[in-house]
Amino acid sequence: VLAVGEGALMAVQAVGIIWLLKLSWGLWHSRAGRMDISTSASI
């Protein structure tokens, strides 16, 4: 029914890279041992 183009998958990959780096940055720079994570952010 639908053909997913390679360009669309590459775009999703690029966004995924940015998201992984964002998560990594937040984890590395958490000063306290315990992090405050909201339910919405975790979902």
PDB file of all heavy atoms in Angstrom:
ATOM      1  N   VAL A   1       0.823  -1.197   0.000  1.00  0.00           N
ATOM      2  CA  VAL A   1       0.000   0.000   0.000  1.00  0.00           C
ATOM      3  C   VAL A   1       0.855   1.244   0.000  1.00  0.00           C
ATOM      4  O   VAL A   1       0.493   2.278  -0.554  1.00  0.00           O
ATOM      5  CB  VAL A   1      -0.937   0.004   1.228  1.00  0.00           C
ATOM      6  CG1 VAL A   1      -1.760   1.279   1.281  1.00  0.00           C
ATOM      7  CG2 VAL A   1      -1.857  -1.205   1.181  1.00  0.00           C
ATOM      8  N   LEU A   2       2.032   1.161   0.623  1.00  0.00           N
ATOM      9  CA  LEU A   2       2.880   2.345   0.752  1.00  0.00           C
ATOM     10  C   LEU A   2       4.332   1.945   0.520  1.00  0.00           C
ATOM     11  O   LEU A   2       4.787   0.928   1.020  1.00  0.00           O
ATOM     12  CB  LEU A   2       2.724   2.954   2.155  1.00  0.00           C
ATOM     13  CG  LEU A   2       3.587   4.157   2.502  1.00  0.00           C
ATOM     14  CD1 LEU A   2       3.189   5.358   1.645  1.00  0.00           C
ATOM     15  CD2 LEU A   2       3.450   4.494   3.976  1.00  0.00           C
ATOM     16  N   ALA A   3       5.048   2.751  -0.212  1.00  0.00           N
ATOM     17  CA  ALA A   3       6.479   2.525  -0.421  1.00  0.00           C
ATOM     18  C   ALA A   3       7.237   3.607   0.332  1.00  0.00           C
ATOM     19  O   ALA A   3       7.031   4.785   0.108  1.00  0.00           O
ATOM     20  CB  ALA A   3       6.820   2.585  -1.903  1.00  0.00           C
ATOM     21  N   VAL A   4       8.090   3.169   1.253  1.00  0.00           N
ATOM     22  CA  VAL A   4       8.874   4.126   2.026  1.00  0.00           C
ATOM     23  C   VAL A   4      10.194   4.367   1.309  1.00  0.00           C
ATOM     24  O   VAL A   4      10.960   3.432   1.079  1.00  0.00           O
ATOM     25  CB  VAL A   4       9.131   3.597   3.451  1.00  0.00           C
ATOM     26  CG1 VAL A   4      10.011   4.567   4.225  1.00  0.00           C
ATOM     27  CG2 VAL A   4       7.819   3.385   4.177  1.00  0.00           C
ATOM     28  N   GLY A   5      10.437   5.613   0.952  1.00  0.00           N
ATOM     29  CA  GLY A   5      11.659   5.935   0.227  1.00  0.00           C
ATOM     30  C   GLY A   5      12.875   5.959   1.126  1.00  0.00           C
ATOM     31  O   GLY A   5      12.770   6.136   2.338  1.00  0.00           O
ATOM     32  N   GLU A   6      14.036   5.779   0.532  1.00  0.00           N
ATOM     33  CA  GLU A   6      15.289   5.789   1.291  1.00  0.00           C
ATOM     34  C   GLU A   6      15.538   7.149   1.931  1.00  0.00           C
ATOM     35  O   GLU A   6      16.062   7.234   3.041  1.00  0.00           O
ATOM     36  CB  GLU A   6      16.450   5.432   0.357  1.00  0.00           C
ATOM     37  CG  GLU A   6      17.779   5.293   1.073  1.00  0.00           C
ATOM     38  CD  GLU A   6      18.903   4.903   0.126  1.00  0.00           C
ATOM     39  OE1 GLU A   6      18.608   4.490  -1.005  1.00  0.00           O
ATOM     40  OE2 GLU A   6      20.075   5.022   0.536  1.00  0.00           O
ATOM     41  N   GLY A   7      15.137   8.215   1.239  1.00  0.00           N
ATOM     42  CA  GLY A   7      15.331   9.557   1.776  1.00  0.00           C
ATOM     43  C   GLY A   7      14.588   9.769   3.073  1.00  0.00           C
ATOM     44  O   GLY A   7      15.095  10.407   4.009  1.00  0.00           O
ATOM     45  N   ALA A   8      13.373   9.211   3.173  1.00  0.00           N
ATOM     46  CA  ALA A   8      12.580   9.356   4.394  1.00  0.00           C
ATOM     47  C   ALA A   8      13.251   8.639   5.558  1.00  0.00           C
ATOM     48  O   ALA A   8      13.308   9.155   6.685  1.00  0.00           O
ATOM     49  CB  ALA A   8      11.178   8.803   4.173  1.00  0.00           C
ATOM     50  N   LEU A   9      13.787   7.461   5.294  1.00  0.00           N
ATOM     51  CA  LEU A   9      14.468   6.712   6.348  1.00  0.00           C
ATOM     52  C   LEU A   9      15.731   7.445   6.807  1.00  0.00           C
ATOM     53  O   LEU A   9      16.055   7.460   8.002  1.00  0.00           O
ATOM     54  CB  LEU A   9      14.821   5.306   5.862  1.00  0.00           C
ATOM     55  CG  LEU A   9      13.639   4.349   5.642  1.00  0.00           C
ATOM     56  CD1 LEU A   9      14.135   3.021   5.106  1.00  0.00           C
ATOM     57  CD2 LEU A   9      12.870   4.148   6.928  1.00  0.00           C
ATOM     58  N   MET A  10      16.439   8.052   5.868  1.00  0.00           N
ATOM     59  CA  MET A  10      17.650   8.790   6.229  1.00  0.00           C
ATOM     60  C   MET A  10      17.310  10.023   7.070  1.00  0.00           C
ATOM     61  O   MET A  10      18.048  10.375   7.989  1.00  0.00           O
ATOM     62  CB  MET A  10      18.406   9.190   4.962  1.00  0.00           C
ATOM     63  CG  MET A  10      19.018   8.007   4.217  1.00  0.00           C
ATOM     64  SD  MET A  10      19.843   8.486   2.679  1.00  0.00           S
ATOM     65  CE  MET A  10      21.276   9.339   3.313  1.00  0.00           C
ATOM     66  N   ALA A  11      16.179  10.647   6.779  1.00  0.00           N
ATOM     67  CA  ALA A  11      15.749  11.810   7.564  1.00  0.00           C
ATOM     68  C   ALA A  11      15.430  11.394   8.994  1.00  0.00           C
ATOM     69  O   ALA A  11      15.807  12.075   9.963  1.00  0.00           O
ATOM     70  CB  ALA A  11      14.533  12.459   6.907  1.00  0.00           C
ATOM     71  N   VAL A  12      14.754  10.260   9.138  1.00  0.00           N
ATOM     72  CA  VAL A  12      14.441   9.752  10.474  1.00  0.00           C
ATOM     73  C   VAL A  12      15.722   9.412  11.222  1.00  0.00           C
ATOM     74  O   VAL A  12      15.862   9.670  12.417  1.00  0.00           O
ATOM     75  CB  VAL A  12      13.516   8.512  10.382  1.00  0.00           C
ATOM     76  CG1 VAL A  12      13.336   7.868  11.743  1.00  0.00           C
ATOM     77  CG2 VAL A  12      12.163   8.910   9.810  1.00  0.00           C
ATOM     78  N   GLN A  13      16.682   8.831  10.506  1.00  0.00           N
ATOM     79  CA  GLN A  13      17.973   8.512  11.113  1.00  0.00           C
ATOM     80  C   GLN A  13      18.659   9.762  11.642  1.00  0.00           C
ATOM     81  O   GLN A  13      19.218   9.757  12.741  1.00  0.00           O
ATOM     82  CB  GLN A  13      18.884   7.827  10.082  1.00  0.00           C
ATOM     83  CG  GLN A  13      18.877   6.327  10.180  1.00  0.00           C
ATOM     84  CD  GLN A  13      19.935   5.721   9.278  1.00  0.00           C
ATOM     85  OE1 GLN A  13      20.190   6.211   8.181  1.00  0.00           O
ATOM     86  NE2 GLN A  13      20.541   4.650   9.723  1.00  0.00           N
ATOM     87  N   ALA A  14      18.631  10.834  10.851  1.00  0.00           N
ATOM     88  CA  ALA A  14      19.277  12.083  11.249  1.00  0.00           C
ATOM     89  C   ALA A  14      18.652  12.634  12.527  1.00  0.00           C
ATOM     90  O   ALA A  14      19.355  13.076  13.442  1.00  0.00           O
ATOM     91  CB  ALA A  14      19.185  13.108  10.120  1.00  0.00           C
ATOM     92  N   VAL A  15      17.320  12.604  12.597  1.00  0.00           N
ATOM     93  CA  VAL A  15      16.636  13.072  13.808  1.00  0.00           C
ATOM     94  C   VAL A  15      16.997  12.170  14.989  1.00  0.00           C
ATOM     95  O   VAL A  15      17.197  12.639  16.119  1.00  0.00           O
ATOM     96  CB  VAL A  15      15.107  13.099  13.588  1.00  0.00           C
ATOM     97  CG1 VAL A  15      14.387  13.481  14.879  1.00  0.00           C
ATOM     98  CG2 VAL A  15      14.750  14.076  12.486  1.00  0.00           C
ATOM     99  N   GLY A  16      17.092  10.875  14.742  1.00  0.00           N
ATOM    100  CA  GLY A  16      17.470   9.931  15.795  1.00  0.00           C
ATOM    101  C   GLY A  16      18.858  10.202  16.340  1.00  0.00           C
ATOM    102  O   GLY A  16      19.094  10.087  17.551  1.00  0.00           O
ATOM    103  N   ILE A  17      19.781  10.563  15.478  1.00  0.00           N
ATOM    104  CA  ILE A  17      21.145  10.896  15.905  1.00  0.00           C
ATOM    105  C   ILE A  17      21.119  12.089  16.848  1.00  0.00           C
ATOM    106  O   ILE A  17      21.760  12.087  17.915  1.00  0.00           O
ATOM    107  CB  ILE A  17      22.042  11.198  14.686  1.00  0.00           C
ATOM    108  CG1 ILE A  17      22.287   9.915  13.891  1.00  0.00           C
ATOM    109  CG2 ILE A  17      23.369  11.818  15.117  1.00  0.00           C
ATOM    110  CD1 ILE A  17      22.874  10.159  12.515  1.00  0.00           C
ATOM    111  N   ILE A  18      20.368  13.118  16.465  1.00  0.00           N
ATOM    112  CA  ILE A  18      20.269  14.324  17.298  1.00  0.00           C
ATOM    113  C   ILE A  18      19.662  13.979  18.659  1.00  0.00           C
ATOM    114  O   ILE A  18      20.121  14.455  19.699  1.00  0.00           O
ATOM    115  CB  ILE A  18      19.421  15.396  16.584  1.00  0.00           C
ATOM    116  CG1 ILE A  18      20.143  15.865  15.320  1.00  0.00           C
ATOM    117  CG2 ILE A  18      19.137  16.579  17.509  1.00  0.00           C
ATOM    118  CD1 ILE A  18      19.303  16.742  14.416  1.00  0.00           C
ATOM    119  N   TRP A  19      18.653  13.127  18.651  1.00  0.00           N
ATOM    120  CA  TRP A  19      17.991  12.756  19.904  1.00  0.00           C
ATOM    121  C   TRP A  19      18.930  11.968  20.815  1.00  0.00           C
ATOM    122  O   TRP A  19      18.981  12.206  22.026  1.00  0.00           O
ATOM    123  CB  TRP A  19      16.737  11.946  19.600  1.00  0.00           C
ATOM    124  CG  TRP A  19      15.911  11.725  20.830  1.00  0.00           C
ATOM    125  CD1 TRP A  19      15.779  10.586  21.564  1.00  0.00           C
ATOM    126  CD2 TRP A  19      15.114  12.711  21.499  1.00  0.00           C
ATOM    127  NE1 TRP A  19      14.952  10.793  22.630  1.00  0.00           N
ATOM    128  CE2 TRP A  19      14.529  12.091  22.607  1.00  0.00           C
ATOM    129  CE3 TRP A  19      14.846  14.056  21.243  1.00  0.00           C
ATOM    130  CZ2 TRP A  19      13.683  12.771  23.485  1.00  0.00           C
ATOM    131  CZ3 TRP A  19      14.001  14.730  22.115  1.00  0.00           C
ATOM    132  CH2 TRP A  19      13.438  14.088  23.216  1.00  0.00           C
ATOM    133  N   LEU A  20      19.685  11.039  20.253  1.00  0.00           N
ATOM    134  CA  LEU A  20      20.644  10.271  21.049  1.00  0.00           C
ATOM    135  C   LEU A  20      21.699  11.186  21.666  1.00  0.00           C
ATOM    136  O   LEU A  20      22.077  11.031  22.835  1.00  0.00           O
ATOM    137  CB  LEU A  20      21.319   9.208  20.181  1.00  0.00           C
ATOM    138  CG  LEU A  20      20.489   7.970  19.835  1.00  0.00           C
ATOM    139  CD1 LEU A  20      21.223   7.118  18.817  1.00  0.00           C
ATOM    140  CD2 LEU A  20      20.176   7.162  21.089  1.00  0.00           C
ATOM    141  N   LEU A  21      22.179  12.143  20.896  1.00  0.00           N
ATOM    142  CA  LEU A  21      23.188  13.078  21.398  1.00  0.00           C
ATOM    143  C   LEU A  21      22.606  13.971  22.495  1.00  0.00           C
ATOM    144  O   LEU A  21      23.294  14.291  23.475  1.00  0.00           O
ATOM    145  CB  LEU A  21      23.739  13.929  20.258  1.00  0.00           C
ATOM    146  CG  LEU A  21      24.601  13.178  19.240  1.00  0.00           C
ATOM    147  CD1 LEU A  21      24.972  14.083  18.069  1.00  0.00           C
ATOM    148  CD2 LEU A  21      25.859  12.608  19.901  1.00  0.00           C
ATOM    149  N   LYS A  22      21.341  14.345  22.360  1.00  0.00           N
ATOM    150  CA  LYS A  22      20.678  15.150  23.384  1.00  0.00           C
ATOM    151  C   LYS A  22      20.577  14.374  24.698  1.00  0.00           C
ATOM    152  O   LYS A  22      20.856  14.895  25.782  1.00  0.00           O
ATOM    153  CB  LYS A  22      19.285  15.565  22.906  1.00  0.00           C
ATOM    154  CG  LYS A  22      18.494  16.389  23.927  1.00  0.00           C
ATOM    155  CD  LYS A  22      17.121  16.718  23.391  1.00  0.00           C
ATOM    156  CE  LYS A  22      16.318  17.523  24.415  1.00  0.00           C
ATOM    157  NZ  LYS A  22      16.036  16.764  25.647  1.00  0.00           N
ATOM    158  N   LEU A  23      20.169  13.113  24.598  1.00  0.00           N
ATOM    159  CA  LEU A  23      20.090  12.278  25.789  1.00  0.00           C
ATOM    160  C   LEU A  23      21.464  12.091  26.421  1.00  0.00           C
ATOM    161  O   LEU A  23      21.630  12.145  27.643  1.00  0.00           O
ATOM    162  CB  LEU A  23      19.495  10.907  25.435  1.00  0.00           C
ATOM    163  CG  LEU A  23      18.001  10.853  25.104  1.00  0.00           C
ATOM    164  CD1 LEU A  23      17.623   9.450  24.661  1.00  0.00           C
ATOM    165  CD2 LEU A  23      17.164  11.278  26.301  1.00  0.00           C
ATOM    166  N   SER A  24      22.458  11.854  25.579  1.00  0.00           N
ATOM    167  CA  SER A  24      23.827  11.663  26.063  1.00  0.00           C
ATOM    168  C   SER A  24      24.327  12.900  26.789  1.00  0.00           C
ATOM    169  O   SER A  24      24.926  12.809  27.869  1.00  0.00           O
ATOM    170  CB  SER A  24      24.745  11.325  24.876  1.00  0.00           C
ATOM    171  OG  SER A  24      26.083  11.216  25.297  1.00  0.00           O
ATOM    172  N   TRP A  25      24.083  14.072  26.208  1.00  0.00           N
ATOM    173  CA  TRP A  25      24.513  15.334  26.820  1.00  0.00           C
ATOM    174  C   TRP A  25      23.873  15.522  28.196  1.00  0.00           C
ATOM    175  O   TRP A  25      24.534  15.901  29.160  1.00  0.00           O
ATOM    176  CB  TRP A  25      24.150  16.498  25.889  1.00  0.00           C
ATOM    177  CG  TRP A  25      24.518  17.856  26.424  1.00  0.00           C
ATOM    178  CD1 TRP A  25      23.735  18.671  27.200  1.00  0.00           C
ATOM    179  CD2 TRP A  25      25.768  18.538  26.249  1.00  0.00           C
ATOM    180  NE1 TRP A  25      24.406  19.822  27.508  1.00  0.00           N
ATOM    181  CE2 TRP A  25      25.651  19.772  26.929  1.00  0.00           C
ATOM    182  CE3 TRP A  25      26.943  18.248  25.573  1.00  0.00           C
ATOM    183  CZ2 TRP A  25      26.691  20.707  26.959  1.00  0.00           C
ATOM    184  CZ3 TRP A  25      27.963  19.179  25.599  1.00  0.00           C
ATOM    185  CH2 TRP A  25      27.843  20.380  26.279  1.00  0.00           C
ATOM    186  N   GLY A  26      22.582  15.255  28.277  1.00  0.00           N
ATOM    187  CA  GLY A  26      21.875  15.409  29.545  1.00  0.00           C
ATOM    188  C   GLY A  26      22.393  14.473  30.617  1.00  0.00           C
ATOM    189  O   GLY A  26      22.544  14.858  31.791  1.00  0.00           O
ATOM    190  N   LEU A  27      22.680  13.239  30.233  1.00  0.00           N
ATOM    191  CA  LEU A  27      23.205  12.266  31.201  1.00  0.00           C
ATOM    192  C   LEU A  27      24.606  12.659  31.675  1.00  0.00           C
ATOM    193  O   LEU A  27      24.918  12.583  32.865  1.00  0.00           O
ATOM    194  CB  LEU A  27      23.251  10.873  30.564  1.00  0.00           C
ATOM    195  CG  LEU A  27      21.914  10.146  30.446  1.00  0.00           C
ATOM    196  CD1 LEU A  27      22.041   8.945  29.518  1.00  0.00           C
ATOM    197  CD2 LEU A  27      21.417   9.701  31.820  1.00  0.00           C
ATOM    198  N   TRP A  28      25.460  13.069  30.749  1.00  0.00           N
ATOM    199  CA  TRP A  28      26.838  13.399  31.102  1.00  0.00           C
ATOM    200  C   TRP A  28      26.918  14.600  32.036  1.00  0.00           C
ATOM    201  O   TRP A  28      27.748  14.637  32.938  1.00  0.00           O
ATOM    202  CB  TRP A  28      27.651  13.656  29.841  1.00  0.00           C
ATOM    203  CG  TRP A  28      29.109  13.922  30.138  1.00  0.00           C
ATOM    204  CD1 TRP A  28      29.701  15.124  30.356  1.00  0.00           C
ATOM    205  CD2 TRP A  28      30.125  12.924  30.304  1.00  0.00           C
ATOM    206  NE1 TRP A  28      31.037  14.959  30.624  1.00  0.00           N
ATOM    207  CE2 TRP A  28      31.332  13.620  30.601  1.00  0.00           C
ATOM    208  CE3 TRP A  28      30.138  11.534  30.209  1.00  0.00           C
ATOM    209  CZ2 TRP A  28      32.528  12.940  30.821  1.00  0.00           C
ATOM    210  CZ3 TRP A  28      31.340  10.875  30.417  1.00  0.00           C
ATOM    211  CH2 TRP A  28      32.513  11.581  30.721  1.00  0.00           C
ATOM    212  N   HIS A  29      26.061  15.572  31.812  1.00  0.00           N
ATOM    213  CA  HIS A  29      26.139  16.824  32.566  1.00  0.00           C
ATOM    214  C   HIS A  29      25.198  16.871  33.767  1.00  0.00           C
ATOM    215  O   HIS A  29      25.001  17.941  34.349  1.00  0.00           O
ATOM    216  CB  HIS A  29      25.854  18.011  31.639  1.00  0.00           C
ATOM    217  CG  HIS A  29      26.943  18.247  30.643  1.00  0.00           C
ATOM    218  ND1 HIS A  29      28.109  18.895  30.950  1.00  0.00           N
ATOM    219  CD2 HIS A  29      27.052  17.878  29.332  1.00  0.00           C
ATOM    220  CE1 HIS A  29      28.897  18.939  29.883  1.00  0.00           C
ATOM    221  NE2 HIS A  29      28.274  18.330  28.890  1.00  0.00           N
ATOM    222  N   SER A  30      24.615  15.736  34.136  1.00  0.00           N
ATOM    223  CA  SER A  30      23.793  15.723  35.347  1.00  0.00           C
ATOM    224  C   SER A  30      24.726  15.804  36.550  1.00  0.00           C
ATOM    225  O   SER A  30      25.539  14.918  36.786  1.00  0.00           O
ATOM    226  CB  SER A  30      22.950  14.447  35.410  1.00  0.00           C
ATOM    227  OG  SER A  30      23.777  13.300  35.366  1.00  0.00           O
ATOM    228  N   ARG A  31      24.637  16.900  37.306  1.00  0.00           N
ATOM    229  CA  ARG A  31      25.572  17.136  38.412  1.00  0.00           C
ATOM    230  C   ARG A  31      25.261  16.238  39.597  1.00  0.00           C
ATOM    231  O   ARG A  31      26.144  15.661  40.210  1.00  0.00           O
ATOM    232  CB  ARG A  31      25.531  18.605  38.840  1.00  0.00           C
ATOM    233  CG  ARG A  31      26.024  19.541  37.750  1.00  0.00           C
ATOM    234  CD  ARG A  31      26.110  20.968  38.245  1.00  0.00           C
ATOM    235  NE  ARG A  31      26.616  21.848  37.184  1.00  0.00           N
ATOM    236  CZ  ARG A  31      27.887  22.014  36.908  1.00  0.00           C
ATOM    237  NH1 ARG A  31      28.792  21.363  37.610  1.00  0.00           N
ATOM    238  NH2 ARG A  31      28.271  22.822  35.937  1.00  0.00           N
ATOM    239  N   ALA A  32      24.000  16.144  39.937  1.00  0.00           N
ATOM    240  CA  ALA A  32      23.628  15.302  41.073  1.00  0.00           C
ATOM    241  C   ALA A  32      23.542  13.860  40.614  1.00  0.00           C
ATOM    242  O   ALA A  32      23.286  13.580  39.444  1.00  0.00           O
ATOM    243  CB  ALA A  32      22.279  15.742  41.636  1.00  0.00           C
ATOM    244  N   GLY A  33      23.742  12.951  41.561  1.00  0.00           N
ATOM    245  CA  GLY A  33      23.644  11.545  41.216  1.00  0.00           C
ATOM    246  C   GLY A  33      22.243  11.169  40.791  1.00  0.00           C
ATOM    247  O   GLY A  33      22.037  10.352  39.926  1.00  0.00           O
ATOM    248  N   ARG A  34      21.268  11.827  41.414  1.00  0.00           N
ATOM    249  CA  ARG A  34      19.875  11.520  41.095  1.00  0.00           C
ATOM    250  C   ARG A  34      19.302  12.610  40.211  1.00  0.00           C
ATOM    251  O   ARG A  34      19.461  13.786  40.480  1.00  0.00           O
ATOM    252  CB  ARG A  34      19.071  11.402  42.383  1.00  0.00           C
ATOM    253  CG  ARG A  34      17.612  11.031  42.161  1.00  0.00           C
ATOM    254  CD  ARG A  34      16.983  10.616  43.473  1.00  0.00           C
ATOM    255  NE  ARG A  34      15.598  10.228  43.287  1.00  0.00           N
ATOM    256  CZ  ARG A  34      14.919   9.511  44.156  1.00  0.00           C
ATOM    257  NH1 ARG A  34      15.512   9.100  45.262  1.00  0.00           N
ATOM    258  NH2 ARG A  34      13.664   9.204  43.946  1.00  0.00           N
ATOM    259  N   MET A  35      18.607  12.215  39.138  1.00  0.00           N
ATOM    260  CA  MET A  35      18.033  13.177  38.201  1.00  0.00           C
ATOM    261  C   MET A  35      16.535  13.292  38.431  1.00  0.00           C
ATOM    262  O   MET A  35      15.878  12.315  38.778  1.00  0.00           O
ATOM    263  CB  MET A  35      18.287  12.722  36.756  1.00  0.00           C
ATOM    264  CG  MET A  35      19.749  12.591  36.387  1.00  0.00           C
ATOM    265  SD  MET A  35      19.958  11.792  34.781  1.00  0.00           S
ATOM    266  CE  MET A  35      19.152  12.975  33.712  1.00  0.00           C
ATOM    267  N   ASP A  36      16.011  14.506  38.259  1.00  0.00           N
ATOM    268  CA  ASP A  36      14.565  14.709  38.322  1.00  0.00           C
ATOM    269  C   ASP A  36      13.999  14.515  36.925  1.00  0.00           C
ATOM    270  O   ASP A  36      14.288  15.290  36.015  1.00  0.00           O
ATOM    271  CB  ASP A  36      14.238  16.114  38.843  1.00  0.00           C
ATOM    272  CG  ASP A  36      14.636  16.278  40.307  1.00  0.00           C
ATOM    273  OD1 ASP A  36      14.502  15.293  41.056  1.00  0.00           O
ATOM    274  OD2 ASP A  36      15.082  17.373  40.684  1.00  0.00           O
ATOM    275  N   ILE A  37      13.189  13.487  36.748  1.00  0.00           N
ATOM    276  CA  ILE A  37      12.613  13.173  35.451  1.00  0.00           C
ATOM    277  C   ILE A  37      11.096  13.203  35.581  1.00  0.00           C
ATOM    278  O   ILE A  37      10.532  12.473  36.397  1.00  0.00           O
ATOM    279  CB  ILE A  37      13.060  11.788  34.947  1.00  0.00           C
ATOM    280  CG1 ILE A  37      14.590  11.682  34.925  1.00  0.00           C
ATOM    281  CG2 ILE A  37      12.507  11.511  33.556  1.00  0.00           C
ATOM    282  CD1 ILE A  37      15.099  10.319  34.549  1.00  0.00           C
ATOM    283  N   SER A  38      10.439  14.026  34.784  1.00  0.00           N
ATOM    284  CA  SER A  38       8.984  14.104  34.831  1.00  0.00           C
ATOM    285  C   SER A  38       8.376  12.922  34.083  1.00  0.00           C
ATOM    286  O   SER A  38       9.031  12.292  33.243  1.00  0.00           O
ATOM    287  CB  SER A  38       8.499  15.416  34.216  1.00  0.00           C
ATOM    288  OG  SER A  38       8.760  15.428  32.825  1.00  0.00           O
ATOM    289  N   THR A  39       7.131  12.632  34.407  1.00  0.00           N
ATOM    290  CA  THR A  39       6.445  11.525  33.737  1.00  0.00           C
ATOM    291  C   THR A  39       6.334  11.784  32.238  1.00  0.00           C
ATOM    292  O   THR A  39       6.582  10.891  31.419  1.00  0.00           O
ATOM    293  CB  THR A  39       5.037  11.333  34.330  1.00  0.00           C
ATOM    294  OG1 THR A  39       5.157  11.068  35.739  1.00  0.00           O
ATOM    295  CG2 THR A  39       4.312  10.173  33.658  1.00  0.00           C
ATOM    296  N   SER A  40       5.977  13.013  31.865  1.00  0.00           N
ATOM    297  CA  SER A  40       5.820  13.338  30.437  1.00  0.00           C
ATOM    298  C   SER A  40       7.135  13.204  29.688  1.00  0.00           C
ATOM    299  O   SER A  40       7.174  12.690  28.563  1.00  0.00           O
ATOM    300  CB  SER A  40       5.263  14.757  30.277  1.00  0.00           C
ATOM    301  OG  SER A  40       6.128  15.705  30.874  1.00  0.00           O
ATOM    302  N   ALA A  41       8.241  13.651  30.322  1.00  0.00           N
ATOM    303  CA  ALA A  41       9.555  13.548  29.674  1.00  0.00           C
ATOM    304  C   ALA A  41       9.966  12.094  29.510  1.00  0.00           C
ATOM    305  O   ALA A  41      10.543  11.702  28.499  1.00  0.00           O
ATOM    306  CB  ALA A  41      10.603  14.312  30.478  1.00  0.00           C
ATOM    307  N   SER A  42       9.651  11.275  30.509  1.00  0.00           N
ATOM    308  CA  SER A  42      10.020   9.866  30.451  1.00  0.00           C
ATOM    309  C   SER A  42       9.214   9.135  29.375  1.00  0.00           C
ATOM    310  O   SER A  42       9.754   8.308  28.632  1.00  0.00           O
ATOM    311  CB  SER A  42       9.794   9.218  31.816  1.00  0.00           C
ATOM    312  OG  SER A  42      10.396   7.949  31.863  1.00  0.00           O
ATOM    313  N   ILE A  43       7.919   9.461  29.284  1.00  0.00           N
ATOM    314  CA  ILE A  43       7.081   8.860  28.242  1.00  0.00           C
ATOM    315  C   ILE A  43       7.599   9.277  26.863  1.00  0.00           C
ATOM    316  O   ILE A  43       7.713   8.458  25.946  1.00  0.00           O
ATOM    317  CB  ILE A  43       5.613   9.294  28.408  1.00  0.00           C
ATOM    318  CG1 ILE A  43       5.025   8.650  29.672  1.00  0.00           C
ATOM    319  CG2 ILE A  43       4.781   8.923  27.184  1.00  0.00           C
ATOM    320  CD1 ILE A  43       3.649   9.148  30.025  1.00  0.00           C
TER     321      ILE A  43
END
